[in-house]
Amino acid sequence: MKNYLIINPNTNALTTERLQNVLMPSMPTDFNFLFTTASFGANYIACEASYAVASHACLEAWASQTLVNPEPLAGVLIACFGDPALFALREMSAAPVTGLAEASFIQAAQIGPFAVVTGGERWKPMIQRLASNLGYGEHLRHIETVTPSGSELQANPEMAIQCLGEACRRAAKDGVRVIILGGAGLAGYAEKLQPICPLPLIDSARAGIEVLLNHQAPRAKNFLNGSYAKWSGMSGSLSQVKEFD
C-alpha cells in the first residue's frame, strides 16, 4: 500500500482535523494517508517569522515520520497555502513533494489566468513571491486577502461564507478565469461558495491531493545521497537522520 504524508505546518490540531474530515471521504481506499501536525511554531502562520519557523517544523515532521515508519513514502503534501519548506523538503525527500499553493497553481494555470482568495492580510506579498519563484507569476493576476485569518474563518463558517463570497466576487476581474480558495483551514469551502461565485473555484486542499495522486508533483534529486557539508547542532528527529552525521 502506498503511503502519503500530509503535514500541517502550524500547531493547530483543529486544522489537521478539518483536512481529514474534508479529504478522507473522497480518498482512494487503496492508499494510506498519514496526517501529522507541527510540534512547534505558530498556531496560525501569518507572517514571515512564523513562516520561517514553520519551514523548520515541516522538516522536523517529515524526519519524525521517516524514523517512525520505515516504509517509503509515495508523496508528501505541505498543507499550508504558502508551502513552507517546499524547496528544502523536495531536496531532502526521495518522494515527490508539493504544497497547497503550488498544486493549486498547477491546476489553475491549466485553465488560464487566476486569482487567489485567502485569509490574513500579510499573506499577499508572500504568495506573490512564491508564485514568482514557482514560475506562475504571470498567471497570477490578483490576490484578494480578507482580514480574518484562516483559523478564524475555519472557526466561524457563517462569517466565512459571507466574507469569502464577497472576496471571490471582488477577485473576478482583470481577465481572471479561475479563483483559488487558498488555505488548509478553508478546505471544503469552495464547494459551498461555488453557487455564488461568478468563476470556477479551486479548493487548495483538494488540489494538493489530486496533484500528488496524478503524479504532477515535481521532484528533485535526494541531496542526502550526495556529498554535502556536514550538519551540526541539530535537535529532534532531524538530528537522527543518519545522513546528517
Protein backbone atom coordinates (compact mmCIF):
# COMPACT_ATOMS: atom_id res chain seq x y z
CA MET A 1 0.00 0.00 0.00
CA LYS A 2 1.30 3.44 -0.93
CA ASN A 3 1.85 5.90 1.94
CA TYR A 4 1.27 9.64 1.54
CA LEU A 5 2.33 12.09 4.25
CA ILE A 6 0.22 15.23 4.81
CA ILE A 7 1.95 17.80 7.04
CA ASN A 8 0.10 20.63 8.74
CA PRO A 9 2.98 23.10 9.36
CA ASN A 10 1.12 25.03 12.05
CA THR A 11 0.37 23.73 15.54
CA ASN A 12 -3.42 23.92 15.27
CA ALA A 13 -4.67 20.34 15.50
CA LEU A 14 -8.16 21.52 14.50
CA THR A 15 -6.79 22.41 11.07
CA THR A 16 -5.42 18.89 10.68
CA GLU A 17 -8.79 17.53 11.79
CA ARG A 18 -10.58 19.68 9.21
CA LEU A 19 -8.31 18.38 6.46
CA GLN A 20 -9.06 14.82 7.49
CA ASN A 21 -12.81 15.42 7.64
CA VAL A 22 -12.93 17.12 4.23
CA LEU A 23 -10.45 14.97 2.32
CA MET A 24 -10.78 11.45 3.69
CA PRO A 25 -14.29 10.67 2.34
CA SER A 26 -13.00 11.10 -1.22
CA MET A 27 -9.59 9.47 -0.74
CA PRO A 28 -8.81 6.21 -2.60
CA THR A 29 -9.10 3.33 -0.15
CA ASP A 30 -6.07 1.52 -1.54
CA PHE A 31 -3.73 4.30 -0.35
CA ASN A 32 -2.66 5.15 3.21
CA PHE A 33 -2.76 8.83 4.17
CA LEU A 34 -0.74 9.86 7.22
CA PHE A 35 -1.70 13.21 8.78
CA THR A 36 0.68 14.99 11.14
CA THR A 37 0.72 18.38 12.89
CA ALA A 38 3.77 20.55 13.54
CA SER A 39 5.15 20.05 17.04
CA PHE A 40 6.31 23.66 17.42
CA GLY A 41 5.74 27.08 15.91
CA ALA A 42 2.68 29.25 15.38
CA ASN A 43 -0.93 28.23 15.80
CA TYR A 44 -1.56 30.04 12.52
CA ILE A 45 1.12 31.04 10.02
CA ALA A 46 0.52 34.70 9.31
CA CYS A 47 3.87 36.47 8.85
CA GLU A 48 7.41 35.96 7.62
CA ALA A 49 8.72 34.90 11.04
CA SER A 50 6.05 32.26 11.63
CA TYR A 51 6.54 31.08 8.05
CA ALA A 52 10.28 30.59 8.63
CA VAL A 53 9.67 28.62 11.82
CA ALA A 54 7.01 26.55 10.07
CA SER A 55 9.58 25.54 7.46
CA HIS A 56 11.77 24.07 10.21
CA ALA A 57 8.74 22.40 11.81
CA CYS A 58 7.79 20.89 8.47
CA LEU A 59 11.25 19.34 8.03
CA GLU A 60 11.09 18.02 11.59
CA ALA A 61 7.67 16.45 10.96
CA TRP A 62 8.97 14.73 7.84
CA ALA A 63 12.05 13.45 9.68
CA SER A 64 9.91 12.15 12.56
CA GLN A 65 7.73 10.22 10.16
CA THR A 66 10.68 8.66 8.34
CA LEU A 67 12.06 7.43 11.67
CA VAL A 68 8.74 6.05 12.95
CA ASN A 69 7.63 4.46 9.70
CA PRO A 70 10.37 2.79 7.63
CA GLU A 71 8.01 2.25 4.71
CA PRO A 72 8.90 4.60 1.81
CA LEU A 73 6.58 7.49 1.09
CA ALA A 74 4.86 7.81 -2.28
CA GLY A 75 4.39 11.56 -1.81
CA VAL A 76 4.37 14.45 0.66
CA LEU A 77 1.85 17.29 0.86
CA ILE A 78 2.62 20.51 2.77
CA ALA A 79 -0.85 21.50 3.94
CA CYS A 80 -0.40 25.25 4.07
CA PHE A 81 -1.15 27.79 1.36
CA GLY A 82 2.35 29.18 1.28
CA ASP A 83 4.19 25.86 1.09
CA PRO A 84 6.82 26.42 3.82
CA ALA A 85 9.91 24.25 3.29
CA LEU A 86 8.75 23.22 -0.19
CA PHE A 87 12.14 23.50 -1.88
CA ALA A 88 14.07 22.14 1.08
CA LEU A 89 11.80 19.17 1.63
CA ARG A 90 11.74 18.39 -2.08
CA GLU A 91 15.54 18.31 -1.96
CA MET A 92 15.60 16.10 1.13
CA SER A 93 12.82 13.65 0.34
CA ALA A 94 13.10 10.81 -2.12
CA ALA A 95 9.34 11.15 -2.73
CA PRO A 96 7.54 13.82 -4.79
CA VAL A 97 6.61 16.87 -2.70
CA THR A 98 4.09 19.63 -3.29
CA GLY A 99 2.16 22.18 -1.26
CA LEU A 100 -1.34 23.61 -1.36
CA ALA A 101 -0.23 26.72 -3.24
CA GLU A 102 1.90 25.01 -5.87
CA ALA A 103 -0.72 22.32 -6.50
CA SER A 104 -3.41 24.99 -6.91
CA PHE A 105 -1.20 26.96 -9.28
CA ILE A 106 -0.65 23.83 -11.38
CA GLN A 107 -4.38 23.22 -11.72
CA ALA A 108 -5.37 26.86 -12.20
CA ALA A 109 -2.76 27.55 -14.89
CA GLN A 110 -4.31 24.78 -16.99
CA ILE A 111 -7.49 26.87 -17.12
CA GLY A 112 -5.98 30.34 -17.53
CA PRO A 113 -5.03 33.46 -15.55
CA PHE A 114 -6.05 33.07 -11.92
CA ALA A 115 -6.69 34.93 -8.69
CA VAL A 116 -6.21 33.87 -5.08
CA VAL A 117 -8.58 34.46 -2.19
CA THR A 118 -7.17 33.74 1.25
CA GLY A 119 -7.28 34.82 4.88
CA GLY A 120 -4.67 37.03 6.53
CA GLU A 121 -3.59 40.37 5.09
CA ARG A 122 0.16 39.74 5.39
CA TRP A 123 -0.02 36.78 3.00
CA LYS A 124 -0.25 38.88 -0.17
CA PRO A 125 3.48 39.62 -0.75
CA MET A 126 4.40 36.12 0.44
CA ILE A 127 2.08 34.48 -2.10
CA GLN A 128 3.27 36.80 -4.86
CA ARG A 129 6.87 35.82 -4.14
CA LEU A 130 6.06 32.12 -4.09
CA ALA A 131 4.15 32.30 -7.37
CA SER A 132 7.09 34.06 -8.98
CA ASN A 133 9.59 31.54 -7.62
CA LEU A 134 7.50 28.66 -8.94
CA GLY A 135 7.14 30.23 -12.39
CA TYR A 136 3.48 31.26 -12.09
CA GLY A 137 3.98 34.99 -11.59
CA GLU A 138 2.47 35.91 -14.97
CA HIS A 139 -0.54 33.66 -14.40
CA LEU A 140 -1.38 35.22 -11.02
CA ARG A 141 -3.45 38.31 -11.79
CA HIS A 142 -4.86 39.21 -8.39
CA ILE A 143 -4.67 38.33 -4.68
CA GLU A 144 -7.67 39.16 -2.51
CA THR A 145 -6.93 38.83 1.20
CA VAL A 146 -9.58 39.10 3.87
CA THR A 147 -8.95 40.43 7.37
CA PRO A 148 -9.87 37.28 9.31
CA SER A 149 -7.14 34.67 9.37
CA GLY A 150 -7.63 31.17 8.06
CA SER A 151 -8.13 29.83 11.57
CA GLU A 152 -10.79 32.48 12.31
CA LEU A 153 -12.59 31.64 9.08
CA GLN A 154 -12.38 27.97 9.95
CA ALA A 155 -13.94 28.61 13.36
CA ASN A 156 -16.89 30.65 12.06
CA PRO A 157 -18.44 29.06 8.94
CA GLU A 158 -21.30 31.55 8.64
CA MET A 159 -18.94 34.53 8.71
CA ALA A 160 -16.55 32.72 6.37
CA ILE A 161 -19.16 32.14 3.68
CA GLN A 162 -20.19 35.80 3.66
CA CYS A 163 -16.64 37.18 3.87
CA LEU A 164 -15.13 34.80 1.30
CA GLY A 165 -18.09 35.13 -1.05
CA GLU A 166 -17.62 38.90 -1.22
CA ALA A 167 -13.87 38.42 -1.73
CA CYS A 168 -14.44 35.99 -4.60
CA ARG A 169 -16.70 38.48 -6.35
CA ARG A 170 -14.03 41.18 -5.96
CA ALA A 171 -11.37 38.82 -7.32
CA ALA A 172 -13.31 38.09 -10.52
CA LYS A 173 -11.64 40.80 -12.62
CA ASP A 174 -8.58 41.65 -14.75
CA GLY A 175 -9.02 38.70 -17.11
CA VAL A 176 -9.15 36.16 -14.28
CA ARG A 177 -10.51 32.79 -15.45
CA VAL A 178 -10.43 30.82 -12.19
CA ILE A 179 -10.13 31.59 -8.47
CA ILE A 180 -8.11 29.62 -5.92
CA LEU A 181 -9.51 29.46 -2.41
CA GLY A 182 -6.26 29.11 -0.52
CA GLY A 183 -5.68 27.67 2.93
CA ALA A 184 -5.91 24.42 4.85
CA GLY A 185 -8.44 26.00 7.19
CA LEU A 186 -10.64 26.78 4.17
CA ALA A 187 -10.79 23.18 2.97
CA GLY A 188 -14.33 22.39 1.86
CA TYR A 189 -15.49 26.00 1.49
CA ALA A 190 -15.04 26.12 -2.30
CA GLU A 191 -17.90 23.68 -2.78
CA LYS A 192 -20.18 25.81 -0.61
CA LEU A 193 -19.16 29.06 -2.32
CA GLN A 194 -19.30 27.87 -5.93
CA PRO A 195 -23.04 28.61 -6.38
CA ILE A 196 -22.47 32.30 -5.56
CA CYS A 197 -19.09 32.71 -7.26
CA PRO A 198 -19.02 34.00 -10.87
CA LEU A 199 -15.95 31.90 -11.77
CA PRO A 200 -14.76 28.31 -11.17
CA LEU A 201 -13.25 27.78 -7.72
CA ILE A 202 -10.31 25.57 -6.79
CA ASP A 203 -10.11 24.15 -3.28
CA SER A 204 -6.39 24.22 -2.47
CA ALA A 205 -6.56 21.18 -0.18
CA ARG A 206 -8.26 19.02 -2.80
CA ALA A 207 -5.82 20.32 -5.41
CA GLY A 208 -2.90 19.18 -3.27
CA ILE A 209 -4.17 15.60 -3.08
CA GLU A 210 -5.12 15.48 -6.75
CA VAL A 211 -1.73 16.73 -7.92
CA LEU A 212 0.04 14.13 -5.79
CA LEU A 213 -2.13 11.23 -6.89
CA ASN A 214 -1.97 12.30 -10.54
CA HIS A 215 1.85 12.32 -10.39
CA GLN A 216 2.05 16.04 -11.22
CA ALA A 217 4.17 16.97 -8.21
CA PRO A 218 7.74 17.90 -9.16
CA ARG A 219 10.61 16.07 -7.54
CA ALA A 220 14.31 16.73 -7.07
CA LYS A 221 17.34 14.54 -6.56
CA ASN A 222 17.57 13.48 -2.92
CA PHE A 223 20.50 15.52 -1.65
CA LEU A 224 21.09 13.15 1.27
CA ASN A 225 22.63 10.78 -1.23
CA GLY A 226 25.10 13.41 -2.40
CA SER A 227 28.32 14.83 -1.00
CA TYR A 228 27.38 17.88 1.08
CA ALA A 229 28.77 19.71 4.07
CA LYS A 230 28.16 18.10 7.45
CA TRP A 231 25.45 19.49 9.73
CA SER A 232 25.89 20.12 13.44
CA GLY A 233 23.81 21.19 16.42
CA MET A 234 20.60 19.64 15.09
CA SER A 235 17.90 18.63 17.55
CA GLY A 236 14.83 16.40 17.49
CA SER A 237 14.23 13.89 14.73
CA LEU A 238 16.37 15.82 12.26
CA SER A 239 19.41 15.04 14.40
CA GLN A 240 18.72 11.32 13.97
CA VAL A 241 18.68 11.29 10.18
CA LYS A 242 21.87 9.34 9.63
CA GLU A 243 22.99 11.19 6.50
CA PHE A 244 23.49 14.34 8.60
CA ASP A 245 26.12 12.65 10.79
